Protein backbone atom coordinates (compact mmCIF):
# COMPACT_ATOMS: atom_id res chain seq x y z
CA MET A 1 -25.70 13.99 -6.65
CA THR A 2 -25.08 17.33 -7.23
CA GLU A 3 -23.17 18.56 -10.03
CA SER A 4 -20.19 19.72 -7.97
CA ALA A 5 -20.08 16.32 -6.32
CA LEU A 6 -19.82 14.69 -9.45
CA ARG A 7 -17.22 16.68 -11.04
CA MET A 8 -15.06 15.86 -8.23
CA ALA A 9 -16.10 12.33 -7.71
CA GLU A 10 -15.14 12.02 -11.83
CA ARG A 11 -11.51 13.15 -10.83
CA LEU A 12 -10.96 10.37 -8.76
CA LEU A 13 -12.43 7.50 -11.29
CA VAL A 14 -10.00 5.11 -12.74
CA ASP A 15 -12.59 5.19 -15.87
CA PRO A 16 -14.85 7.86 -15.80
CA PRO A 17 -17.65 7.15 -17.61
CA GLU A 18 -18.32 9.23 -20.57
CA HIS A 19 -22.52 9.65 -20.13
CA PRO A 20 -22.72 9.19 -16.21
CA ASP A 21 -26.01 7.55 -14.71
CA VAL A 22 -26.99 10.06 -12.12
CA SER A 23 -30.74 9.59 -12.28
CA LYS A 24 -31.17 8.47 -8.64
CA GLY A 25 -29.37 10.63 -6.95
CA TYR A 26 -26.43 8.79 -7.39
CA LEU A 27 -23.47 7.40 -9.74
CA ASP A 28 -24.32 4.23 -10.71
CA LEU A 29 -21.11 2.37 -12.02
CA LEU A 30 -22.86 -1.37 -12.17
CA GLU A 31 -24.77 -2.82 -14.91
CA ASP A 32 -28.00 -4.10 -13.71
CA GLY A 33 -27.82 -7.38 -12.14
CA ALA A 34 -24.46 -7.01 -11.14
CA ASP A 35 -25.17 -7.66 -7.43
CA ARG A 36 -22.44 -9.94 -6.69
CA ASN A 37 -22.85 -10.37 -2.94
CA THR A 38 -25.76 -13.28 -2.89
CA GLY A 39 -27.12 -14.88 0.31
CA ALA A 40 -30.12 -14.88 2.36
CA ILE A 41 -28.32 -11.71 4.87
CA GLN A 42 -27.51 -9.56 1.43
CA ALA A 43 -30.97 -10.07 0.16
CA LEU A 44 -32.18 -8.56 3.51
CA TRP A 45 -29.96 -5.87 3.07
CA ALA A 46 -30.86 -5.09 -0.76
CA SER A 47 -34.54 -4.89 0.51
CA GLN A 48 -36.47 -1.96 1.37
CA LEU A 49 -37.11 -3.08 4.91
CA GLY A 50 -33.53 -4.05 5.29
CA SER A 51 -32.12 -0.72 4.59
CA LEU A 52 -34.78 0.32 7.48
CA PHE A 53 -33.28 -1.97 10.06
CA TYR A 54 -29.67 -1.51 8.80
CA ASP A 55 -30.52 1.79 9.83
CA ASN A 56 -31.91 1.54 13.23
CA ALA A 57 -29.50 -0.74 14.11
CA GLN A 58 -26.41 1.37 13.12
CA THR A 59 -27.84 4.10 15.33
CA VAL A 60 -28.37 1.81 18.43
CA MET A 61 -24.79 0.09 17.93
CA ARG A 62 -23.15 3.91 18.14
CA ARG A 63 -25.04 4.79 21.20
CA LEU A 64 -23.82 1.50 22.96
CA MET A 65 -19.97 2.50 21.40
CA THR A 66 -19.53 5.93 23.22
CA ALA A 67 -15.92 5.04 23.84
CA TRP A 68 -15.45 5.69 20.12
CA HIS A 69 -17.72 8.11 19.08
CA GLU A 70 -17.65 8.64 15.16
CA PRO A 71 -14.58 7.46 13.62
CA THR A 72 -13.45 10.83 12.18
CA GLU A 73 -12.38 11.53 15.55
CA TRP A 74 -9.20 9.52 14.97
CA LEU A 75 -8.75 9.89 11.50
CA ASN A 76 -7.38 13.70 11.29
CA ILE A 77 -9.12 14.09 7.94
CA PRO A 78 -7.50 17.57 6.62
CA VAL A 79 -10.12 19.94 5.68
CA GLY A 80 -10.49 20.30 2.04
CA GLY A 81 -9.51 16.39 1.41
CA THR A 82 -11.04 13.64 0.69
CA ALA A 83 -12.95 10.51 2.15
CA LEU A 84 -14.24 7.61 1.47
CA ASP A 85 -17.03 5.63 3.21
CA VAL A 86 -17.12 1.47 2.12
CA GLY A 87 -20.38 0.18 2.41
CA SER A 88 -22.00 3.47 3.60
CA GLY A 89 -25.62 2.24 3.98
CA PRO A 90 -28.26 4.99 4.80
CA GLY A 91 -25.64 7.90 4.36
CA ASN A 92 -24.78 9.00 7.88
CA VAL A 93 -21.21 8.26 8.21
CA THR A 94 -20.63 9.68 4.86
CA ALA A 95 -22.30 12.87 5.85
CA ALA A 96 -20.19 13.07 9.17
CA LEU A 97 -16.82 12.65 6.70
CA GLY A 98 -18.24 15.29 4.39
CA ARG A 99 -18.50 17.89 7.74
CA ALA A 100 -14.78 17.02 8.73
CA VAL A 101 -13.73 17.91 4.84
CA GLY A 102 -15.54 20.72 4.91
CA PRO A 103 -17.15 22.37 1.73
CA GLY A 104 -13.86 22.65 -0.35
CA GLY A 105 -13.55 18.98 0.34
CA LEU A 106 -15.53 15.50 -0.79
CA ALA A 107 -16.90 12.46 0.70
CA LEU A 108 -18.18 9.95 -0.91
CA GLY A 109 -20.20 6.44 0.26
CA VAL A 110 -20.10 3.33 -1.80
CA ASP A 111 -22.52 0.77 -1.42
CA ILE A 112 -24.07 -1.77 -3.84
CA SER A 113 -27.76 -1.89 -2.83
CA GLU A 114 -30.16 0.45 -4.27
CA PRO A 115 -32.24 0.64 -1.85
CA MET A 116 -30.03 1.70 0.69
CA LEU A 117 -28.61 4.45 -1.67
CA ALA A 118 -31.80 5.61 -2.23
CA ARG A 119 -32.13 6.13 1.42
CA ALA A 120 -28.76 7.67 1.78
CA VAL A 121 -29.38 10.31 -1.20
CA SER A 122 -33.10 11.13 -0.07
CA ALA A 123 -31.05 11.74 3.97
CA GLU A 124 -27.58 13.17 3.49
CA ALA A 125 -26.48 13.85 0.04
CA GLY A 126 -25.24 17.70 -0.58
CA PRO A 127 -22.86 19.88 -2.70
CA ASN A 128 -19.63 17.78 -0.90
CA VAL A 129 -21.32 14.59 -0.22
CA GLY A 130 -22.10 11.96 -2.67
CA PHE A 131 -22.96 8.62 -3.27
CA LEU A 132 -21.66 5.78 -5.69
CA ARG A 133 -23.40 2.43 -6.43
CA ALA A 134 -20.37 -0.06 -6.73
CA ASP A 135 -18.76 -3.35 -5.49
CA ALA A 136 -16.59 -3.23 -2.72
CA GLN A 137 -14.15 -5.75 -4.12
CA HIS A 138 -13.58 -3.63 -7.02
CA LEU A 139 -13.10 -0.07 -6.08
CA PRO A 140 -13.47 1.98 -9.50
CA PHE A 141 -11.03 4.69 -7.56
CA ARG A 142 -7.27 5.35 -8.75
CA ASP A 143 -4.68 4.67 -6.41
CA GLU A 144 -4.09 6.99 -3.28
CA SER A 145 -7.15 8.97 -4.48
CA PHE A 146 -8.45 9.24 -0.25
CA ASP A 147 -7.41 10.83 2.92
CA ALA A 148 -9.36 8.94 4.88
CA VAL A 149 -11.26 5.53 4.36
CA VAL A 150 -13.71 4.00 6.54
CA SER A 151 -16.03 1.00 6.57
CA ILE A 152 -18.91 0.60 9.32
CA ALA A 153 -20.62 -3.16 9.60
CA MET A 154 -20.25 -3.85 5.75
CA LEU A 155 -17.11 -6.71 5.68
CA GLN A 156 -18.85 -9.60 7.00
CA LEU A 157 -21.19 -9.50 4.52
CA ILE A 158 -19.17 -9.76 1.27
CA PRO A 159 -17.80 -12.84 -0.42
CA ASP A 160 -14.02 -11.90 0.43
CA PRO A 161 -13.60 -9.14 2.87
CA ALA A 162 -9.69 -9.54 2.21
CA THR A 163 -10.17 -7.92 -1.35
CA ALA A 164 -12.49 -5.31 0.04
CA LEU A 165 -9.50 -4.30 2.72
CA ALA A 166 -6.98 -4.61 -0.11
CA GLU A 167 -8.95 -2.15 -2.21
CA MET A 168 -9.63 0.16 0.50
CA VAL A 169 -5.56 0.46 1.77
CA ARG A 170 -5.34 0.62 -2.31
CA VAL A 171 -7.41 4.05 -2.44
CA LEU A 172 -5.56 5.31 0.67
CA ARG A 173 -2.89 8.22 0.33
CA SER A 174 0.43 7.69 2.00
CA GLY A 175 0.62 9.08 5.82
CA ARG A 176 -3.24 8.78 5.88
CA ARG A 177 -5.57 6.36 8.03
CA MET A 178 -8.05 3.88 7.86
CA ALA A 179 -10.74 2.62 10.25
CA VAL A 180 -12.86 -0.50 10.00
CA MET A 181 -15.84 -1.87 12.02
CA VAL A 182 -17.01 -5.35 12.21
CA PRO A 183 -20.24 -6.58 14.50
CA THR A 184 -19.63 -10.32 13.91
CA ALA A 185 -15.73 -10.84 15.52
CA GLY A 186 -14.17 -13.06 18.42
CA PRO A 187 -14.89 -16.29 19.99
CA ALA A 188 -18.44 -15.01 20.37
CA ALA A 189 -19.59 -14.31 16.92
CA ASN A 190 -18.77 -17.78 16.43
CA LEU A 191 -22.25 -18.78 17.64
CA LEU A 192 -23.66 -17.08 14.20
CA ARG A 193 -22.54 -20.15 12.05
CA TYR A 194 -25.59 -21.99 13.86
CA LEU A 195 -27.73 -19.41 13.05
CA PRO A 196 -29.35 -19.04 9.32
CA THR A 197 -27.61 -16.10 8.35
CA ALA A 198 -26.54 -17.26 4.77
CA GLY A 199 -23.79 -15.23 4.15
CA ALA A 200 -22.32 -13.51 7.04
CA HIS A 201 -18.78 -13.75 7.93
CA SER A 202 -17.67 -14.14 11.53
CA PHE A 203 -13.76 -13.16 12.35
CA GLY A 204 -11.18 -14.12 14.12
CA ASP A 205 -9.75 -11.94 17.01
CA ASP A 206 -6.64 -11.03 15.03
CA GLU A 207 -7.79 -11.54 11.55
CA LEU A 208 -8.46 -7.94 10.50
CA GLY A 209 -5.72 -6.93 12.14
CA ASP A 210 -3.36 -9.48 10.56
CA THR A 211 -4.71 -9.01 7.49
CA LEU A 212 -4.32 -4.98 7.27
CA GLU A 213 -0.90 -5.41 8.62
CA GLY A 214 -0.08 -7.74 5.85
CA LEU A 215 -1.36 -5.20 3.40
CA GLY A 216 1.66 -2.73 5.04
CA LEU A 217 -0.73 -0.86 7.46
CA VAL A 218 1.61 0.61 10.21
CA SER A 219 0.19 1.48 13.97
CA VAL A 220 -2.63 -0.88 13.80
CA ARG A 221 -4.74 -1.05 16.71
CA THR A 222 -7.77 -3.37 17.48
CA LYS A 223 -10.37 -2.53 20.37
CA SER A 224 -13.43 -5.14 20.63
CA ILE A 225 -16.74 -4.73 22.80
CA GLY A 226 -18.29 -8.06 22.60
CA THR A 227 -18.50 -9.39 19.26
CA VAL A 228 -18.12 -5.59 18.18
CA GLN A 229 -14.80 -4.84 16.65
CA TRP A 230 -12.80 -1.77 15.54
CA VAL A 231 -9.40 -2.13 13.64
CA ARG A 232 -7.40 0.88 12.57
CA GLY A 233 -4.31 1.65 10.98
CA ARG A 234 -2.08 3.98 9.11
CA LYS A 235 -0.46 3.55 5.30
CA PRO A 236 3.21 4.26 5.48
């Protein structure tokens, strides 16, 4: 993480570390062995092979979803603002958020996987794009720190998606927007329970939208393409 990105990120943290660990290019806020998201699928994403597979899968998925393009188009992110990518994986969406906020803004990607973060740092880190190792269910940021929050193909992989969504809403500023995408939604996704996914969660048609409305978001919209679902909303 560059010095400028680190300094901006520290201002958003609830408890900035006295001696920040950025030795691997990202700010590590988890102790060794602190990965809480366990299971065969989570172990796959945490591996070098898994990070490569996930990177390629995300690329293919975005090409299939031409009607949505990048989430930055709808989020209306202010130039000079702050944006958060939860479950940032290889960092390509985080970099898109960095382009949206411009040189005076900050885009941060959060992931729990060290191999993923290594790929993201190598490919996408910059003066206004930084990455942190942290748990999506316990985001380390102050309330209402970000002008936009996105999460792509991550919620299905964690033990408590509702808690992660509540955390995203908490750190989103009033009047601003967030968007999430999951590749495991709708009746067809129920077939996944017969596969050895060991940890991947499938969502009902209205589950994510109802959760975000329950968390107080307004103008919640849902769009499904096969088992892929986008949900977006605004914090009043």
